[in-house]
Amino acid sequence: MPYGEQKHQNPDVKRYWEIIADNLHKAGWSLGWVSALDIEGRTISIVDARGYGKRFIVRADEMLSAFVELESNVRSAISCM
């Protein structure tokens, strides 16, 4: 690949975290997410889910890890309802 040329991803291909987000949204959860820098300059991902009288906020080193943990927390909460 020549210098400066970027590989373009097919817009129909979703990342795993986007699939988790879609599934949570379809299940009635409101979601928000952001990537930010911590005090040491490292990128962290923060995701938030609200619904059914509950709220979850998860921080992780990468977006996929944050969404996997969020999905696990939501599933645990639903199974206890």
C-alpha atoms as a PDB file:
ATOM      1  CA  MET A   1       0.000   0.000   0.000  1.00  0.00           C
ATOM      2  CA  PRO A   2       1.517   3.346  -0.995  1.00  0.00           C
ATOM      3  CA  TYR A   3       2.436   5.824   1.721  1.00  0.00           C
ATOM      4  CA  GLY A   4      -0.561   7.853   2.881  1.00  0.00           C
ATOM      5  CA  GLU A   5      -3.140   5.563   1.300  1.00  0.00           C
ATOM      6  CA  GLN A   6      -5.608   4.204   3.798  1.00  0.00           C
ATOM      7  CA  LYS A   7      -7.559   1.002   3.600  1.00  0.00           C
ATOM      8  CA  HIS A   8     -11.260   1.832   3.533  1.00  0.00           C
ATOM      9  CA  GLN A   9     -13.535  -0.369   5.591  1.00  0.00           C
ATOM     10  CA  ASN A  10     -16.825  -1.521   4.131  1.00  0.00           C
ATOM     11  CA  PRO A  11     -19.464   0.710   5.816  1.00  0.00           C
ATOM     12  CA  ASP A  12     -21.754  -2.339   6.188  1.00  0.00           C
ATOM     13  CA  VAL A  13     -19.195  -4.115   8.392  1.00  0.00           C
ATOM     14  CA  LYS A  14     -19.752  -3.424  12.084  1.00  0.00           C
ATOM     15  CA  ARG A  15     -17.265  -3.684  14.898  1.00  0.00           C
ATOM     16  CA  TYR A  16     -18.135  -6.065  17.742  1.00  0.00           C
ATOM     17  CA  TRP A  17     -18.800  -3.203  20.159  1.00  0.00           C
ATOM     18  CA  GLU A  18     -21.283  -1.694  17.680  1.00  0.00           C
ATOM     19  CA  ILE A  19     -23.188  -4.982  17.577  1.00  0.00           C
ATOM     20  CA  ILE A  20     -23.365  -5.037  21.389  1.00  0.00           C
ATOM     21  CA  ALA A  21     -24.549  -1.404  21.376  1.00  0.00           C
ATOM     22  CA  ASP A  22     -27.244  -2.195  18.787  1.00  0.00           C
ATOM     23  CA  ASN A  23     -28.450  -5.187  20.801  1.00  0.00           C
ATOM     24  CA  LEU A  24     -28.651  -3.189  24.034  1.00  0.00           C
ATOM     25  CA  HIS A  25     -30.471  -0.367  22.266  1.00  0.00           C
ATOM     26  CA  LYS A  26     -32.979  -2.817  20.734  1.00  0.00           C
ATOM     27  CA  ALA A  27     -33.547  -4.185  24.255  1.00  0.00           C
ATOM     28  CA  GLY A  28     -34.617  -0.697  25.400  1.00  0.00           C
ATOM     29  CA  TRP A  29     -31.411   0.714  26.882  1.00  0.00           C
ATOM     30  CA  SER A  30     -30.210   4.280  26.264  1.00  0.00           C
ATOM     31  CA  LEU A  31     -26.487   4.321  25.561  1.00  0.00           C
ATOM     32  CA  GLY A  32     -23.639   6.788  25.478  1.00  0.00           C
ATOM     33  CA  TRP A  33     -19.920   6.321  24.943  1.00  0.00           C
ATOM     34  CA  VAL A  34     -16.754   8.339  24.647  1.00  0.00           C
ATOM     35  CA  SER A  35     -13.009   7.856  24.350  1.00  0.00           C
ATOM     36  CA  ALA A  36     -10.940  10.164  26.520  1.00  0.00           C
ATOM     37  CA  LEU A  37      -7.427  10.634  27.843  1.00  0.00           C
ATOM     38  CA  ASP A  38      -6.665   9.887  31.463  1.00  0.00           C
ATOM     39  CA  ILE A  39      -4.279  11.970  33.558  1.00  0.00           C
ATOM     40  CA  GLU A  40      -1.309   9.926  32.274  1.00  0.00           C
ATOM     41  CA  GLY A  41      -2.244  10.464  28.615  1.00  0.00           C
ATOM     42  CA  ARG A  42      -3.635   6.982  27.999  1.00  0.00           C
ATOM     43  CA  THR A  43      -6.815   6.534  25.988  1.00  0.00           C
ATOM     44  CA  ILE A  44      -9.725   5.114  27.966  1.00  0.00           C
ATOM     45  CA  SER A  45     -13.236   4.241  26.854  1.00  0.00           C
ATOM     46  CA  ILE A  46     -16.285   5.058  28.932  1.00  0.00           C
ATOM     47  CA  VAL A  47     -19.727   3.618  28.215  1.00  0.00           C
ATOM     48  CA  ASP A  48     -23.035   4.340  29.896  1.00  0.00           C
ATOM     49  CA  ALA A  49     -26.363   2.488  29.772  1.00  0.00           C
ATOM     50  CA  ARG A  50     -29.652   3.635  31.285  1.00  0.00           C
ATOM     51  CA  GLY A  51     -32.963   1.878  31.379  1.00  0.00           C
ATOM     52  CA  TYR A  52     -35.523   0.055  33.495  1.00  0.00           C
ATOM     53  CA  GLY A  53     -34.666   2.232  36.503  1.00  0.00           C
ATOM     54  CA  LYS A  54     -30.987   1.277  36.392  1.00  0.00           C
ATOM     55  CA  ARG A  55     -27.771   2.944  35.216  1.00  0.00           C
ATOM     56  CA  PHE A  56     -24.367   1.443  34.483  1.00  0.00           C
ATOM     57  CA  ILE A  57     -21.086   3.255  33.762  1.00  0.00           C
ATOM     58  CA  VAL A  58     -18.012   1.278  32.722  1.00  0.00           C
ATOM     59  CA  ARG A  59     -14.425   2.425  32.068  1.00  0.00           C
ATOM     60  CA  ALA A  60     -11.884   0.272  30.210  1.00  0.00           C
ATOM     61  CA  ASP A  61      -8.700   0.494  28.153  1.00  0.00           C
ATOM     62  CA  GLU A  62     -10.570  -0.144  24.902  1.00  0.00           C
ATOM     63  CA  MET A  63     -14.094   0.261  23.557  1.00  0.00           C
ATOM     64  CA  LEU A  64     -14.765  -3.457  23.047  1.00  0.00           C
ATOM     65  CA  SER A  65     -13.745  -4.317  26.621  1.00  0.00           C
ATOM     66  CA  ALA A  66     -15.993  -1.568  27.968  1.00  0.00           C
ATOM     67  CA  PHE A  67     -18.999  -2.787  25.976  1.00  0.00           C
ATOM     68  CA  VAL A  68     -18.415  -6.449  26.872  1.00  0.00           C
ATOM     69  CA  GLU A  69     -18.318  -5.529  30.567  1.00  0.00           C
ATOM     70  CA  LEU A  70     -21.373  -3.304  30.192  1.00  0.00           C
ATOM     71  CA  GLU A  71     -23.311  -6.080  28.459  1.00  0.00           C
ATOM     72  CA  SER A  72     -22.355  -8.486  31.239  1.00  0.00           C
ATOM     73  CA  ASN A  73     -23.511  -6.030  33.937  1.00  0.00           C
ATOM     74  CA  VAL A  74     -26.819  -5.418  32.160  1.00  0.00           C
ATOM     75  CA  ARG A  75     -27.466  -9.159  31.712  1.00  0.00           C
ATOM     76  CA  SER A  76     -26.728  -9.784  35.400  1.00  0.00           C
ATOM     77  CA  ALA A  77     -29.130  -7.017  36.410  1.00  0.00           C
ATOM     78  CA  ILE A  78     -31.871  -8.344  34.139  1.00  0.00           C
ATOM     79  CA  SER A  79     -31.502 -11.885  35.481  1.00  0.00           C
ATOM     80  CA  CYS A  80     -31.979 -10.540  39.044  1.00  0.00           C
ATOM     81  CA  MET A  81     -35.206  -8.691  38.142  1.00  0.00           C
END
